[in-house]
Structure formats: structure tokens, C-alpha cells
């Protein structure tokens, strides 16, 4: 029996990480025109009226986009084809999802569902862009998707407690998998790709079977602290739903996964 699958992935290499925060907008925008004059800079960037916004909502590096594309090529080679794609509204996450789909050869077919509920916790307001903005700049966005939280108002998650953070992560993963777990009798169940942040990857994975855990809050606290350093760029968790036991099982022995370890 075919089983629904879910891929939970951290975004690819962010530009400020590649440059060690050593670059200022004035160095790469000459008279307001983007000039990718360093090897790590991507060829193009989504337009922004305020150039300093790139420091707060950083894009991918050139290598980050290339590695995300190669990840999509890997998925295609092993038949792991996502037909539902959810992403945090952070620019680096949207670019990662877009590049993975490009590698799959599905960029024009896989519409991105953008949801602020997939963003990591924040300590200051971020200049996040709307779904309409990304659609207008050439990304394939599902404008009919109704997000849990609107994508361009970061104030909604500003200053939230850890319990509130866990609550929104739990809510969106349950929303995403609700339809998947009802598809076990279909011939071609869906594969979902979620592109998110370092702190969210282990938590989203843990939320899949959270109902079977007794002390949920302490379990999540410990998991978040223990696993954070293990989630590198493009690290991912793949799971499939086993209706016979009502649980998600993790594909730690997926035979081809070792081929993409160099992306971490």
C-alpha cells in the first residue's frame, strides 16, 4: 500500500551566513542597482524598496540556491515527488522551495503555500513580504491558500512564549497532515514538502506523533535544545504514515539519503 509522505526541510545556505555578516547593502547596490560583485552573491534578488530589508529577511547565497536545486534533482532521481509545498514566508525559505521545485522540473506546476505559522520565533519585527509580492516577482504562489497566519505581518509572532510557539507549530502540522492521513486508500497518496527553519524542523517532526507522548511540554523543550545543532542547511526529515498503527514512521534507512549528506 502506498503511504502519504512528508518532508520537513530547513532552508538552504543563507547569504549573511556565507558572508559572515561582512557586507552592507551599499556595497552591492550601485545607484540602487543590484551588482552581484562577490562569488557568494546570487545572480538576481527579489526587488525591495528598502535595501536594508535584505539584512533582516536575508536571501539565499548563490551556493544555497544551487544546492537546493540539486536537492530537487535528487528527489526526482529517487521518485520522491512532492505535490503539496508549504513554506515559511522568510525569503530564504521561499527561494529554497522554489529552487527545489526547479530541480524537480516542477517549478511551474508546484504552487507554494506561504504561512507565517511555519516561521521560527522572532525577537524583532521583520520586513516579511506578502504572497502577492512573491507572485508578482515571478514565484509560483498559491494565492488561493488560506494560511493559519498571514505571511507579511511578523508582529503576530513577536514576543510569543515558548508555549505559544509550540501551539502554533502543533496547529499547522495537524492541519497539513489531516488530509494526508485520510488518503491511505488512494493509489497515489500525496507527498508534502515543508520548508522551514532550524528550530522548527525537529519540533514539526516531533509533532507528527505527539499525541502518543505523555509529558509533551518537557519532551519538546528537551528535543529543541538537544537537536538544534544537528539541523544544518538543507537538513531534512522524511516520514510516512502507517495507517495500520496510526503513526508516522521515519525513513532513517531510506537507501539513497546518504547521497545528499554533503548538502548539510
Protein backbone atom coordinates (compact mmCIF):
# COMPACT_ATOMS: atom_id res chain seq x y z
CA UNK A 1 0.00 0.00 0.00
CA UNK A 2 1.31 3.42 -0.92
CA UNK A 3 1.68 5.71 2.08
CA UNK A 4 1.46 9.51 2.42
CA UNK A 5 4.87 11.05 2.99
CA UNK A 6 6.07 14.29 4.50
CA UNK A 7 9.44 16.01 4.04
CA UNK A 8 10.37 18.62 6.64
CA UNK A 9 13.40 20.62 5.49
CA UNK A 10 15.49 23.51 6.73
CA UNK A 11 16.20 26.21 4.16
CA UNK A 12 19.46 26.26 2.22
CA UNK A 13 22.53 28.41 2.99
CA UNK A 14 21.58 32.00 3.83
CA UNK A 15 23.57 34.84 2.32
CA UNK A 16 24.53 36.54 5.57
CA UNK A 17 25.99 33.24 6.83
CA UNK A 18 28.09 32.83 3.68
CA UNK A 19 29.40 36.39 4.01
CA UNK A 20 29.79 36.24 7.81
CA UNK A 21 27.67 39.41 8.05
CA UNK A 22 30.54 41.31 6.44
CA UNK A 23 28.55 43.02 3.70
CA UNK A 24 26.39 46.14 3.62
CA UNK A 25 23.71 46.99 1.03
CA UNK A 26 25.75 49.94 -0.23
CA UNK A 27 28.47 47.53 -1.33
CA UNK A 28 26.24 45.58 -3.71
CA UNK A 29 23.67 48.17 -4.79
CA UNK A 30 25.31 50.73 -7.06
CA UNK A 31 22.98 53.71 -7.53
CA UNK A 32 20.16 51.43 -6.45
CA UNK A 33 21.02 48.71 -9.00
CA UNK A 34 21.94 45.27 -7.69
CA UNK A 35 25.51 44.33 -8.59
CA UNK A 36 26.50 40.76 -7.57
CA UNK A 37 30.21 41.51 -7.28
CA UNK A 38 31.14 38.71 -4.88
CA UNK A 39 31.15 35.00 -5.59
CA UNK A 40 28.59 34.16 -2.92
CA UNK A 41 26.01 36.68 -4.16
CA UNK A 42 23.04 35.31 -6.11
CA UNK A 43 22.58 36.44 -9.70
CA UNK A 44 19.20 38.07 -9.00
CA UNK A 45 17.24 39.16 -5.96
CA UNK A 46 13.54 39.89 -5.43
CA UNK A 47 13.08 43.64 -5.58
CA UNK A 48 12.85 45.66 -2.37
CA UNK A 49 12.38 49.39 -1.93
CA UNK A 50 14.40 49.40 1.29
CA UNK A 51 17.77 47.76 0.66
CA UNK A 52 18.40 47.18 4.37
CA UNK A 53 15.47 44.78 4.43
CA UNK A 54 17.84 42.17 2.98
CA UNK A 55 19.74 42.23 6.28
CA UNK A 56 16.61 41.34 8.25
CA UNK A 57 14.96 38.97 5.78
CA UNK A 58 18.08 37.54 4.20
CA UNK A 59 18.01 35.72 0.83
CA UNK A 60 19.94 32.59 -0.11
CA UNK A 61 23.57 32.67 -1.19
CA UNK A 62 24.46 31.65 -4.73
CA UNK A 63 25.65 28.27 -3.39
CA UNK A 64 22.47 27.92 -1.34
CA UNK A 65 20.28 28.22 -4.43
CA UNK A 66 22.45 25.73 -6.33
CA UNK A 67 22.36 23.18 -3.51
CA UNK A 68 18.57 23.46 -3.20
CA UNK A 69 18.30 22.86 -6.96
CA UNK A 70 20.48 19.73 -6.65
CA UNK A 71 18.27 18.51 -3.80
CA UNK A 72 15.32 18.73 -6.18
CA UNK A 73 17.27 16.73 -8.76
CA UNK A 74 17.95 14.09 -6.09
CA UNK A 75 14.27 13.88 -5.18
CA UNK A 76 13.43 13.36 -8.84
CA UNK A 77 16.05 10.61 -9.20
CA UNK A 78 14.51 8.55 -6.36
CA UNK A 79 10.89 9.29 -7.21
CA UNK A 80 10.25 11.48 -4.16
CA UNK A 81 7.91 13.96 -5.81
CA UNK A 82 6.13 16.49 -3.55
CA UNK A 83 2.75 17.63 -4.82
CA UNK A 84 1.97 19.95 -1.90
CA UNK A 85 4.54 22.55 -0.85
CA UNK A 86 4.31 24.68 2.29
CA UNK A 87 6.86 27.30 3.24
CA UNK A 88 7.67 29.93 5.83
CA UNK A 89 7.36 33.48 4.41
CA UNK A 90 11.07 34.11 5.02
CA UNK A 91 12.76 34.89 1.70
CA UNK A 92 15.37 32.16 2.20
CA UNK A 93 12.63 29.54 2.69
CA UNK A 94 10.64 30.61 -0.36
CA UNK A 95 13.79 30.63 -2.51
CA UNK A 96 14.70 27.17 -1.20
CA UNK A 97 11.28 25.73 -2.04
CA UNK A 98 11.36 27.39 -5.46
CA UNK A 99 14.86 26.03 -6.24
CA UNK A 100 13.96 22.50 -5.08
CA UNK A 101 10.96 22.57 -7.42
CA UNK A 102 13.17 23.84 -10.23
CA UNK A 103 15.47 20.86 -9.69
CA UNK A 104 12.45 18.58 -9.82
CA UNK A 105 11.36 20.17 -13.09
CA UNK A 106 8.12 21.25 -11.42
CA UNK A 107 8.66 24.97 -10.84
CA UNK A 108 5.67 26.00 -12.96
CA UNK A 109 3.42 23.29 -11.51
CA UNK A 110 4.13 23.32 -7.78
CA UNK A 111 2.47 26.37 -6.22
CA UNK A 112 3.94 27.44 -2.87
CA UNK A 113 1.60 27.78 0.11
CA UNK A 114 3.09 30.52 2.31
CA UNK A 115 2.24 30.54 6.02
CA UNK A 116 3.68 32.62 8.86
CA UNK A 117 2.83 29.74 11.23
CA UNK A 118 5.92 27.95 9.83
CA UNK A 119 8.31 30.77 10.76
CA UNK A 120 10.82 30.43 13.58
CA UNK A 121 10.39 32.54 16.77
CA UNK A 122 11.44 36.18 16.36
CA UNK A 123 12.74 38.85 18.72
CA UNK A 124 12.14 41.85 16.47
CA UNK A 125 9.71 42.77 13.74
CA UNK A 126 10.77 41.56 10.28
CA UNK A 127 10.01 43.06 6.84
CA UNK A 128 8.33 39.92 5.52
CA UNK A 129 6.71 40.11 2.10
CA UNK A 130 3.18 39.07 1.14
CA UNK A 131 2.20 36.17 -1.08
CA UNK A 132 1.12 38.71 -3.71
CA UNK A 133 4.60 40.26 -3.67
CA UNK A 134 6.30 36.95 -4.38
CA UNK A 135 3.77 36.13 -7.07
CA UNK A 136 4.44 39.48 -8.76
CA UNK A 137 8.21 38.82 -8.76
CA UNK A 138 7.97 35.52 -10.63
CA UNK A 139 7.47 32.87 -7.95
CA UNK A 140 4.66 30.34 -8.39
CA UNK A 141 2.49 31.06 -5.36
CA UNK A 142 -0.86 29.55 -4.39
CA UNK A 143 -2.85 32.75 -3.93
CA UNK A 144 -5.97 30.75 -3.04
CA UNK A 145 -4.34 29.22 0.03
CA UNK A 146 -5.76 30.46 3.32
CA UNK A 147 -2.85 30.50 5.79
CA UNK A 148 -3.09 29.89 9.50
CA UNK A 149 -1.29 33.22 9.93
CA UNK A 150 -0.96 35.93 7.23
CA UNK A 151 2.51 35.86 5.72
CA UNK A 152 3.53 39.51 5.92
CA UNK A 153 2.72 40.56 9.50
CA UNK A 154 5.53 39.36 11.73
CA UNK A 155 4.08 41.24 14.72
CA UNK A 156 1.70 38.30 15.20
CA UNK A 157 4.54 36.05 16.43
CA UNK A 158 6.68 38.76 18.01
CA UNK A 159 7.30 38.13 21.69
CA UNK A 160 5.34 34.88 21.86
CA UNK A 161 6.12 32.46 24.67
CA UNK A 162 7.60 29.00 24.05
CA UNK A 163 4.19 27.50 24.81
CA UNK A 164 2.56 29.77 22.22
CA UNK A 165 5.25 28.81 19.71
CA UNK A 166 4.69 25.10 20.32
CA UNK A 167 0.96 25.68 19.98
CA UNK A 168 1.13 27.26 16.55
CA UNK A 169 3.59 24.64 15.27
CA UNK A 170 1.29 21.88 16.51
CA UNK A 171 -1.74 23.52 14.94
CA UNK A 172 -0.25 23.88 11.46
CA UNK A 173 1.29 20.39 11.31
CA UNK A 174 -2.06 18.89 12.33
CA UNK A 175 -3.77 20.97 9.66
CA UNK A 176 -1.30 19.82 7.00
CA UNK A 177 -1.45 16.12 7.83
CA UNK A 178 -5.19 15.86 8.43
CA UNK A 179 -5.94 15.31 4.75
CA UNK A 180 -2.84 13.17 4.21
CA UNK A 181 -3.81 10.56 6.80
CA UNK A 182 -7.16 10.11 5.05
CA UNK A 183 -5.50 9.21 1.74
CA UNK A 184 -4.16 5.77 2.59
CA UNK A 185 -6.70 4.05 0.35
CA UNK A 186 -5.81 6.14 -2.68
CA UNK A 187 -3.47 4.79 -5.36
CA UNK A 188 -1.22 7.84 -5.24
CA UNK A 189 -1.19 9.48 -1.81
CA UNK A 190 0.34 12.93 -1.55
CA UNK A 191 3.90 13.78 -0.61
CA UNK A 192 4.18 17.08 1.24
CA UNK A 193 7.28 19.27 1.37
CA UNK A 194 7.59 21.78 4.23
CA UNK A 195 10.43 24.31 4.07
CA UNK A 196 11.06 25.98 7.40
CA UNK A 197 13.78 26.96 9.89
CA UNK A 198 16.39 25.21 12.02
CA UNK A 199 14.40 25.35 15.26
CA UNK A 200 11.15 24.23 13.60
CA UNK A 201 12.42 21.07 11.86
CA UNK A 202 12.76 18.74 14.90
CA UNK A 203 9.63 20.19 16.50
CA UNK A 204 7.46 19.67 13.42
CA UNK A 205 8.77 16.11 13.19
CA UNK A 206 8.03 15.50 16.86
CA UNK A 207 4.52 16.91 16.44
CA UNK A 208 3.64 14.13 13.99
CA UNK A 209 3.32 11.59 16.83
CA UNK A 210 2.99 14.00 19.75
CA UNK A 211 -0.34 12.55 20.88
CA UNK A 212 1.50 9.39 21.96
CA UNK A 213 3.79 11.35 24.35
CA UNK A 214 2.70 11.83 27.96
CA UNK A 215 4.79 14.81 29.15
CA UNK A 216 4.53 16.83 25.94
CA UNK A 217 5.96 20.17 27.07
CA UNK A 218 9.10 18.78 28.71
CA UNK A 219 9.58 16.46 25.76
CA UNK A 220 9.50 19.38 23.31
CA UNK A 221 11.80 21.53 25.48
CA UNK A 222 14.38 18.76 25.63
CA UNK A 223 14.09 17.95 21.95
CA UNK A 224 14.52 21.56 20.91
CA UNK A 225 17.69 22.00 22.95
CA UNK A 226 19.20 18.60 22.13
CA UNK A 227 18.60 18.58 18.38
CA UNK A 228 19.14 22.22 17.40
CA UNK A 229 22.82 21.86 16.46
CA UNK A 230 22.11 18.79 14.32
CA UNK A 231 19.89 20.67 11.86
CA UNK A 232 22.23 22.18 9.27
CA UNK A 233 21.30 23.87 6.00
CA UNK A 234 19.04 21.62 3.90
CA UNK A 235 18.87 19.00 6.65
CA UNK A 236 15.60 17.13 6.33
CA UNK A 237 13.37 14.56 7.97
CA UNK A 238 11.25 12.22 5.85
CA UNK A 239 8.33 10.29 7.34
CA UNK A 240 5.44 8.23 6.05
CA UNK A 241 2.11 7.45 7.62
CA UNK A 242 1.35 3.86 8.57
CA UNK A 243 -2.43 3.57 8.90
CA UNK A 244 -2.16 0.10 10.42
CA UNK A 245 -0.63 1.57 13.59
CA UNK A 246 -1.87 5.13 13.25
CA UNK A 247 1.64 6.59 13.48
CA UNK A 248 4.24 8.28 11.32
CA UNK A 249 7.42 6.27 10.80
CA UNK A 250 10.70 7.97 9.96
CA UNK A 251 12.71 6.81 6.97
CA UNK A 252 16.12 6.72 8.64
CA UNK A 253 17.08 3.78 6.46
CA UNK A 254 15.93 5.34 3.18
CA UNK A 255 18.71 3.89 0.99
CA UNK A 256 19.53 6.95 -1.11
CA UNK A 257 19.50 9.59 1.65
CA UNK A 258 23.26 9.27 2.19
CA UNK A 259 23.83 10.72 -1.25
CA UNK A 260 22.82 14.20 -0.08
CA UNK A 261 24.73 14.42 3.18
CA UNK A 262 27.19 16.87 1.63
CA UNK A 263 24.37 19.43 1.45
CA UNK A 264 24.16 19.67 5.25
